[in-house]
Amino acid sequence: MDDKLLGYVIFICSLLGIACYFYLVFLSPWFLLTIQVSVFVAVAGILAIITWLGYTLVTTPSPSPLEDFDEELSTEEKVEENA
């Protein structure tokens, strides 16, 4: 698919989405439900991102201390000097 055609499709679909959301919030009898669902999806999305960050922090191993890194560098420098 051509990039311009894809751009037009995204553009038109987003305008239709805005029009549908406008109708649901301001003109339909389901405005309260629409707002409730929108707010729930937004809050759930933010909390899902925070959950993912917490999971990543829990499952990622801790980095080695800088002292160990300095020792590794000094041993590598000694090996290079001897070579």
PDB file of N, CA and C in Angstrom:
ATOM      1  N   MET A   1       0.852  -1.183   0.000  1.00  0.00           N
ATOM      2  CA  MET A   1       0.000   0.000   0.000  1.00  0.00           C
ATOM      3  C   MET A   1       0.894   1.241   0.000  1.00  0.00           C
ATOM      4  N   ASP A   2       0.522   2.193  -0.805  1.00  0.00           N
ATOM      5  CA  ASP A   2       1.272   3.444  -0.912  1.00  0.00           C
ATOM      6  C   ASP A   2       1.183   4.223   0.399  1.00  0.00           C
ATOM      7  N   ASP A   3       2.272   4.894   0.763  1.00  0.00           N
ATOM      8  CA  ASP A   3       2.306   5.652   2.019  1.00  0.00           C
ATOM      9  C   ASP A   3       1.273   6.778   2.036  1.00  0.00           C
ATOM     10  N   LYS A   4       1.092   7.443   0.901  1.00  0.00           N
ATOM     11  CA  LYS A   4       0.108   8.531   0.859  1.00  0.00           C
ATOM     12  C   LYS A   4      -1.301   7.993   1.038  1.00  0.00           C
ATOM     13  N   LEU A   5      -1.592   6.865   0.407  1.00  0.00           N
ATOM     14  CA  LEU A   5      -2.918   6.270   0.541  1.00  0.00           C
ATOM     15  C   LEU A   5      -3.167   5.866   1.989  1.00  0.00           C
ATOM     16  N   LEU A   6      -2.172   5.268   2.615  1.00  0.00           N
ATOM     17  CA  LEU A   6      -2.294   4.911   4.027  1.00  0.00           C
ATOM     18  C   LEU A   6      -2.512   6.158   4.881  1.00  0.00           C
ATOM     19  N   GLY A   7      -1.807   7.238   4.565  1.00  0.00           N
ATOM     20  CA  GLY A   7      -1.997   8.503   5.282  1.00  0.00           C
ATOM     21  C   GLY A   7      -3.411   9.031   5.135  1.00  0.00           C
ATOM     22  N   TYR A   8      -3.964   8.958   3.915  1.00  0.00           N
ATOM     23  CA  TYR A   8      -5.346   9.400   3.699  1.00  0.00           C
ATOM     24  C   TYR A   8      -6.337   8.536   4.480  1.00  0.00           C
ATOM     25  N   VAL A   9      -6.105   7.224   4.496  1.00  0.00           N
ATOM     26  CA  VAL A   9      -7.004   6.325   5.221  1.00  0.00           C
ATOM     27  C   VAL A   9      -6.972   6.639   6.712  1.00  0.00           C
ATOM     28  N   ILE A  10      -5.778   6.823   7.273  1.00  0.00           N
ATOM     29  CA  ILE A  10      -5.649   7.166   8.696  1.00  0.00           C
ATOM     30  C   ILE A  10      -6.324   8.500   8.981  1.00  0.00           C
ATOM     31  N   PHE A  11      -6.123   9.477   8.089  1.00  0.00           N
ATOM     32  CA  PHE A  11      -6.711  10.807   8.251  1.00  0.00           C
ATOM     33  C   PHE A  11      -8.237  10.735   8.260  1.00  0.00           C
ATOM     34  N   ILE A  12      -8.816  10.046   7.292  1.00  0.00           N
ATOM     35  CA  ILE A  12     -10.277   9.951   7.189  1.00  0.00           C
ATOM     36  C   ILE A  12     -10.851   9.175   8.375  1.00  0.00           C
ATOM     37  N   CYS A  13     -10.200   8.070   8.741  1.00  0.00           N
ATOM     38  CA  CYS A  13     -10.691   7.271   9.868  1.00  0.00           C
ATOM     39  C   CYS A  13     -10.633   8.050  11.181  1.00  0.00           C
ATOM     40  N   SER A  14      -9.592   8.834  11.358  1.00  0.00           N
ATOM     41  CA  SER A  14      -9.510   9.621  12.591  1.00  0.00           C
ATOM     42  C   SER A  14     -10.587  10.713  12.611  1.00  0.00           C
ATOM     43  N   LEU A  15     -10.857  11.332  11.481  1.00  0.00           N
ATOM     44  CA  LEU A  15     -11.943  12.326  11.436  1.00  0.00           C
ATOM     45  C   LEU A  15     -13.292  11.676  11.710  1.00  0.00           C
ATOM     46  N   LEU A  16     -13.518  10.491  11.159  1.00  0.00           N
ATOM     47  CA  LEU A  16     -14.766   9.775  11.441  1.00  0.00           C
ATOM     48  C   LEU A  16     -14.856   9.394  12.916  1.00  0.00           C
ATOM     49  N   GLY A  17     -13.729   9.004  13.516  1.00  0.00           N
ATOM     50  CA  GLY A  17     -13.704   8.684  14.941  1.00  0.00           C
ATOM     51  C   GLY A  17     -14.050   9.893  15.793  1.00  0.00           C
ATOM     52  N   ILE A  18     -13.509  11.047  15.420  1.00  0.00           N
ATOM     53  CA  ILE A  18     -13.816  12.282  16.150  1.00  0.00           C
ATOM     54  C   ILE A  18     -15.300  12.608  16.024  1.00  0.00           C
ATOM     55  N   ALA A  19     -15.850  12.458  14.822  1.00  0.00           N
ATOM     56  CA  ALA A  19     -17.269  12.751  14.613  1.00  0.00           C
ATOM     57  C   ALA A  19     -18.148  11.790  15.417  1.00  0.00           C
ATOM     58  N   CYS A  20     -17.797  10.514  15.428  1.00  0.00           N
ATOM     59  CA  CYS A  20     -18.580   9.532  16.208  1.00  0.00           C
ATOM     60  C   CYS A  20     -18.501   9.835  17.696  1.00  0.00           C
ATOM     61  N   TYR A  21     -17.313  10.165  18.172  1.00  0.00           N
ATOM     62  CA  TYR A  21     -17.166  10.473  19.594  1.00  0.00           C
ATOM     63  C   TYR A  21     -17.938  11.740  19.960  1.00  0.00           C
ATOM     64  N   PHE A  22     -17.913  12.751  19.073  1.00  0.00           N
ATOM     65  CA  PHE A  22     -18.689  13.969  19.300  1.00  0.00           C
ATOM     66  C   PHE A  22     -20.171  13.638  19.414  1.00  0.00           C
ATOM     67  N   TYR A  23     -20.660  12.802  18.488  1.00  0.00           N
ATOM     68  CA  TYR A  23     -22.066  12.408  18.538  1.00  0.00           C
ATOM     69  C   TYR A  23     -22.383  11.689  19.842  1.00  0.00           C
ATOM     70  N   LEU A  24     -21.539  10.731  20.219  1.00  0.00           N
ATOM     71  CA  LEU A  24     -21.809   9.945  21.424  1.00  0.00           C
ATOM     72  C   LEU A  24     -21.780  10.792  22.692  1.00  0.00           C
ATOM     73  N   VAL A  25     -20.906  11.795  22.753  1.00  0.00           N
ATOM     74  CA  VAL A  25     -20.790  12.602  23.970  1.00  0.00           C
ATOM     75  C   VAL A  25     -21.845  13.704  24.037  1.00  0.00           C
ATOM     76  N   PHE A  26     -22.125  14.359  22.906  1.00  0.00           N
ATOM     77  CA  PHE A  26     -22.972  15.552  22.953  1.00  0.00           C
ATOM     78  C   PHE A  26     -24.399  15.356  22.428  1.00  0.00           C
ATOM     79  N   LEU A  27     -24.632  14.364  21.582  1.00  0.00           N
ATOM     80  CA  LEU A  27     -25.945  14.264  20.946  1.00  0.00           C
ATOM     81  C   LEU A  27     -26.714  12.984  21.260  1.00  0.00           C
ATOM     82  N   SER A  28     -26.057  11.979  21.764  1.00  0.00           N
ATOM     83  CA  SER A  28     -26.735  10.697  21.979  1.00  0.00           C
ATOM     84  C   SER A  28     -27.270  10.590  23.409  1.00  0.00           C
ATOM     85  N   PRO A  29     -28.219   9.690  23.617  1.00  0.00           N
ATOM     86  CA  PRO A  29     -28.712   9.475  24.986  1.00  0.00           C
ATOM     87  C   PRO A  29     -27.721   8.681  25.846  1.00  0.00           C
ATOM     88  N   TRP A  30     -26.640   8.181  25.256  1.00  0.00           N
ATOM     89  CA  TRP A  30     -25.655   7.381  25.989  1.00  0.00           C
ATOM     90  C   TRP A  30     -24.429   8.193  26.383  1.00  0.00           C
ATOM     91  N   PHE A  31     -24.572   9.509  26.507  1.00  0.00           N
ATOM     92  CA  PHE A  31     -23.421  10.366  26.786  1.00  0.00           C
ATOM     93  C   PHE A  31     -22.748  10.007  28.104  1.00  0.00           C
ATOM     94  N   LEU A  32     -23.528   9.688  29.128  1.00  0.00           N
ATOM     95  CA  LEU A  32     -22.945   9.364  30.428  1.00  0.00           C
ATOM     96  C   LEU A  32     -22.125   8.075  30.350  1.00  0.00           C
ATOM     97  N   LEU A  33     -22.661   7.062  29.693  1.00  0.00           N
ATOM     98  CA  LEU A  33     -21.933   5.808  29.525  1.00  0.00           C
ATOM     99  C   LEU A  33     -20.677   6.024  28.687  1.00  0.00           C
ATOM    100  N   THR A  34     -20.763   6.844  27.659  1.00  0.00           N
ATOM    101  CA  THR A  34     -19.606   7.134  26.810  1.00  0.00           C
ATOM    102  C   THR A  34     -18.494   7.788  27.613  1.00  0.00           C
ATOM    103  N   ILE A  35     -18.833   8.748  28.446  1.00  0.00           N
ATOM    104  CA  ILE A  35     -17.832   9.423  29.273  1.00  0.00           C
ATOM    105  C   ILE A  35     -17.244   8.459  30.293  1.00  0.00           C
ATOM    106  N   GLN A  36     -18.091   7.641  30.901  1.00  0.00           N
ATOM    107  CA  GLN A  36     -17.603   6.675  31.876  1.00  0.00           C
ATOM    108  C   GLN A  36     -16.629   5.685  31.243  1.00  0.00           C
ATOM    109  N   VAL A  37     -16.959   5.182  30.083  1.00  0.00           N
ATOM    110  CA  VAL A  37     -16.072   4.229  29.396  1.00  0.00           C
ATOM    111  C   VAL A  37     -14.776   4.915  28.993  1.00  0.00           C
ATOM    112  N   SER A  38     -14.858   6.143  28.495  1.00  0.00           N
ATOM    113  CA  SER A  38     -13.651   6.872  28.078  1.00  0.00           C
ATOM    114  C   SER A  38     -12.710   7.097  29.255  1.00  0.00           C
ATOM    115  N   VAL A  39     -13.253   7.533  30.368  1.00  0.00           N
ATOM    116  CA  VAL A  39     -12.422   7.785  31.545  1.00  0.00           C
ATOM    117  C   VAL A  39     -11.834   6.477  32.066  1.00  0.00           C
ATOM    118  N   PHE A  40     -12.641   5.408  32.075  1.00  0.00           N
ATOM    119  CA  PHE A  40     -12.128   4.117  32.527  1.00  0.00           C
ATOM    120  C   PHE A  40     -10.971   3.649  31.651  1.00  0.00           C
ATOM    121  N   VAL A  41     -11.117   3.749  30.342  1.00  0.00           N
ATOM    122  CA  VAL A  41     -10.049   3.310  29.427  1.00  0.00           C
ATOM    123  C   VAL A  41      -8.788   4.146  29.644  1.00  0.00           C
ATOM    124  N   ALA A  42      -8.934   5.450  29.846  1.00  0.00           N
ATOM    125  CA  ALA A  42      -7.765   6.306  30.072  1.00  0.00           C
ATOM    126  C   ALA A  42      -7.057   5.946  31.376  1.00  0.00           C
ATOM    127  N   VAL A  43      -7.815   5.792  32.451  1.00  0.00           N
ATOM    128  CA  VAL A  43      -7.217   5.459  33.751  1.00  0.00           C
ATOM    129  C   VAL A  43      -6.611   4.059  33.711  1.00  0.00           C
ATOM    130  N   ALA A  44      -7.311   3.106  33.109  1.00  0.00           N
ATOM    131  CA  ALA A  44      -6.784   1.746  33.013  1.00  0.00           C
ATOM    132  C   ALA A  44      -5.500   1.717  32.188  1.00  0.00           C
ATOM    133  N   GLY A  45      -5.426   2.521  31.132  1.00  0.00           N
ATOM    134  CA  GLY A  45      -4.209   2.587  30.326  1.00  0.00           C
ATOM    135  C   GLY A  45      -3.028   3.125  31.119  1.00  0.00           C
ATOM    136  N   ILE A  46      -3.249   4.184  31.877  1.00  0.00           N
ATOM    137  CA  ILE A  46      -2.179   4.755  32.706  1.00  0.00           C
ATOM    138  C   ILE A  46      -1.737   3.754  33.766  1.00  0.00           C
ATOM    139  N   LEU A  47      -2.693   3.105  34.419  1.00  0.00           N
ATOM    140  CA  LEU A  47      -2.345   2.118  35.444  1.00  0.00           C
ATOM    141  C   LEU A  47      -1.647   0.900  34.840  1.00  0.00           C
ATOM    142  N   ALA A  48      -2.004   0.525  33.614  1.00  0.00           N
ATOM    143  CA  ALA A  48      -1.325  -0.585  32.949  1.00  0.00           C
ATOM    144  C   ALA A  48       0.134  -0.238  32.669  1.00  0.00           C
ATOM    145  N   ILE A  49       0.397   1.005  32.273  1.00  0.00           N
ATOM    146  CA  ILE A  49       1.776   1.438  32.040  1.00  0.00           C
ATOM    147  C   ILE A  49       2.563   1.421  33.350  1.00  0.00           C
ATOM    148  N   ILE A  50       1.955   1.896  34.431  1.00  0.00           N
ATOM    149  CA  ILE A  50       2.621   1.878  35.737  1.00  0.00           C
ATOM    150  C   ILE A  50       2.876   0.438  36.174  1.00  0.00           C
ATOM    151  N   THR A  51       1.915  -0.459  35.935  1.00  0.00           N
ATOM    152  CA  THR A  51       2.094  -1.871  36.267  1.00  0.00           C
ATOM    153  C   THR A  51       3.263  -2.460  35.488  1.00  0.00           C
ATOM    154  N   TRP A  52       3.352  -2.137  34.197  1.00  0.00           N
ATOM    155  CA  TRP A  52       4.451  -2.634  33.365  1.00  0.00           C
ATOM    156  C   TRP A  52       5.794  -2.111  33.887  1.00  0.00           C
ATOM    157  N   LEU A  53       5.847  -0.854  34.289  1.00  0.00           N
ATOM    158  CA  LEU A  53       7.093  -0.306  34.848  1.00  0.00           C
ATOM    159  C   LEU A  53       7.483  -1.037  36.128  1.00  0.00           C
ATOM    160  N   GLY A  54       6.521  -1.280  37.010  1.00  0.00           N
ATOM    161  CA  GLY A  54       6.809  -2.001  38.243  1.00  0.00           C
ATOM    162  C   GLY A  54       7.284  -3.412  37.966  1.00  0.00           C
ATOM    163  N   TYR A  55       6.634  -4.104  37.038  1.00  0.00           N
ATOM    164  CA  TYR A  55       7.039  -5.463  36.682  1.00  0.00           C
ATOM    165  C   TYR A  55       8.458  -5.469  36.119  1.00  0.00           C
ATOM    166  N   THR A  56       8.762  -4.487  35.294  1.00  0.00           N
ATOM    167  CA  THR A  56      10.098  -4.400  34.713  1.00  0.00           C
ATOM    168  C   THR A  56      11.144  -4.170  35.798  1.00  0.00           C
ATOM    169  N   LEU A  57      10.839  -3.305  36.755  1.00  0.00           N
ATOM    170  CA  LEU A  57      11.776  -3.066  37.854  1.00  0.00           C
ATOM    171  C   LEU A  57      11.976  -4.314  38.711  1.00  0.00           C
ATOM    172  N   VAL A  58      10.913  -5.085  38.910  1.00  0.00           N
ATOM    173  CA  VAL A  58      11.014  -6.287  39.737  1.00  0.00           C
ATOM    174  C   VAL A  58      11.813  -7.381  39.031  1.00  0.00           C
ATOM    175  N   THR A  59      11.629  -7.541  37.745  1.00  0.00           N
ATOM    176  CA  THR A  59      12.234  -8.667  37.041  1.00  0.00           C
ATOM    177  C   THR A  59      13.602  -8.365  36.431  1.00  0.00           C
ATOM    178  N   THR A  60      14.019  -7.112  36.398  1.00  0.00           N
ATOM    179  CA  THR A  60      15.325  -6.772  35.840  1.00  0.00           C
ATOM    180  C   THR A  60      16.398  -6.947  36.905  1.00  0.00           C
ATOM    181  N   PRO A  61      17.485  -7.668  36.589  1.00  0.00           N
ATOM    182  CA  PRO A  61      18.537  -7.830  37.593  1.00  0.00           C
ATOM    183  C   PRO A  61      19.228  -6.499  37.893  1.00  0.00           C
ATOM    184  N   SER A  62      19.706  -6.379  39.109  1.00  0.00           N
ATOM    185  CA  SER A  62      20.383  -5.153  39.523  1.00  0.00           C
ATOM    186  C   SER A  62      21.716  -5.025  38.791  1.00  0.00           C
ATOM    187  N   PRO A  63      22.121  -3.816  38.463  1.00  0.00           N
ATOM    188  CA  PRO A  63      23.422  -3.642  37.815  1.00  0.00           C
ATOM    189  C   PRO A  63      24.547  -3.903  38.807  1.00  0.00           C
ATOM    190  N   SER A  64      25.695  -4.285  38.267  1.00  0.00           N
ATOM    191  CA  SER A  64      26.832  -4.529  39.154  1.00  0.00           C
ATOM    192  C   SER A  64      27.345  -3.198  39.707  1.00  0.00           C
ATOM    193  N   PRO A  65      27.875  -3.200  40.917  1.00  0.00           N
ATOM    194  CA  PRO A  65      28.384  -1.957  41.502  1.00  0.00           C
ATOM    195  C   PRO A  65      29.529  -1.374  40.673  1.00  0.00           C
ATOM    196  N   LEU A  66      29.724  -0.088  40.782  1.00  0.00           N
ATOM    197  CA  LEU A  66      30.773   0.575  40.009  1.00  0.00           C
ATOM    198  C   LEU A  66      32.168   0.107  40.414  1.00  0.00           C
ATOM    199  N   GLU A  67      32.343  -0.308  41.655  1.00  0.00           N
ATOM    200  CA  GLU A  67      33.658  -0.786  42.088  1.00  0.00           C
ATOM    201  C   GLU A  67      34.053  -2.018  41.275  1.00  0.00           C
ATOM    202  N   ASP A  68      33.107  -2.926  41.067  1.00  0.00           N
ATOM    203  CA  ASP A  68      33.389  -4.116  40.266  1.00  0.00           C
ATOM    204  C   ASP A  68      33.731  -3.718  38.832  1.00  0.00           C
ATOM    205  N   PHE A  69      33.040  -2.718  38.318  1.00  0.00           N
ATOM    206  CA  PHE A  69      33.300  -2.258  36.962  1.00  0.00           C
ATOM    207  C   PHE A  69      34.706  -1.666  36.865  1.00  0.00           C
ATOM    208  N   ASP A  70      35.107  -0.887  37.863  1.00  0.00           N
ATOM    209  CA  ASP A  70      36.456  -0.319  37.873  1.00  0.00           C
ATOM    210  C   ASP A  70      37.510  -1.416  37.933  1.00  0.00           C
ATOM    211  N   GLU A  71      37.260  -2.458  38.716  1.00  0.00           N
ATOM    212  CA  GLU A  71      38.201  -3.569  38.806  1.00  0.00           C
ATOM    213  C   GLU A  71      38.317  -4.290  37.469  1.00  0.00           C
ATOM    214  N   GLU A  72      37.191  -4.469  36.774  1.00  0.00           N
ATOM    215  CA  GLU A  72      37.215  -5.120  35.469  1.00  0.00           C
ATOM    216  C   GLU A  72      38.014  -4.286  34.478  1.00  0.00           C
ATOM    217  N   LEU A  73      37.827  -2.973  34.511  1.00  0.00           N
ATOM    218  CA  LEU A  73      38.579  -2.109  33.602  1.00  0.00           C
ATOM    219  C   LEU A  73      40.070  -2.174  33.891  1.00  0.00           C
ATOM    220  N   SER A  74      40.439  -2.165  35.170  1.00  0.00           N
ATOM    221  CA  SER A  74      41.861  -2.191  35.501  1.00  0.00           C
ATOM    222  C   SER A  74      42.484  -3.525  35.091  1.00  0.00           C
ATOM    223  N   THR A  75      41.766  -4.638  35.235  1.00  0.00           N
ATOM    224  CA  THR A  75      42.345  -5.927  34.812  1.00  0.00           C
ATOM    225  C   THR A  75      42.451  -5.994  33.295  1.00  0.00           C
ATOM    226  N   GLU A  76      41.489  -5.400  32.591  1.00  0.00           N
ATOM    227  CA  GLU A  76      41.569  -5.378  31.136  1.00  0.00           C
ATOM    228  C   GLU A  76      42.740  -4.504  30.686  1.00  0.00           C
ATOM    229  N   GLU A  77      42.968  -3.391  31.358  1.00  0.00           N
ATOM    230  CA  GLU A  77      44.095  -2.533  30.996  1.00  0.00           C
ATOM    231  C   GLU A  77      45.420  -3.242  31.230  1.00  0.00           C
ATOM    232  N   LYS A  78      45.498  -4.017  32.321  1.00  0.00           N
ATOM    233  CA  LYS A  78      46.727  -4.772  32.612  1.00  0.00           C
ATOM    234  C   LYS A  78      46.972  -5.828  31.545  1.00  0.00           C
ATOM    235  N   VAL A  79      45.902  -6.480  31.102  1.00  0.00           N
ATOM    236  CA  VAL A  79      46.032  -7.500  30.061  1.00  0.00           C
ATOM    237  C   VAL A  79      46.503  -6.848  28.758  1.00  0.00           C
ATOM    238  N   GLU A  80      45.966  -5.673  28.436  1.00  0.00           N
ATOM    239  CA  GLU A  80      46.381  -4.973  27.217  1.00  0.00           C
ATOM    240  C   GLU A  80      47.825  -4.513  27.310  1.00  0.00           C
ATOM    241  N   GLU A  81      48.254  -4.082  28.482  1.00  0.00           N
ATOM    242  CA  GLU A  81      49.640  -3.642  28.650  1.00  0.00           C
ATOM    243  C   GLU A  81      50.613  -4.812  28.493  1.00  0.00           C
ATOM    244  N   ASN A  82      50.221  -5.998  28.947  1.00  0.00           N
ATOM    245  CA  ASN A  82      51.084  -7.169  28.850  1.00  0.00           C
ATOM    246  C   ASN A  82      51.128  -7.733  27.441  1.00  0.00           C
ATOM    247  N   ALA A  83      50.146  -7.430  26.628  1.00  0.00           N
ATOM    248  CA  ALA A  83      50.093  -7.998  25.274  1.00  0.00           C
ATOM    249  C   ALA A  83      51.021  -7.304  24.325  1.00  0.00           C
TER     250      ALA A  83
END
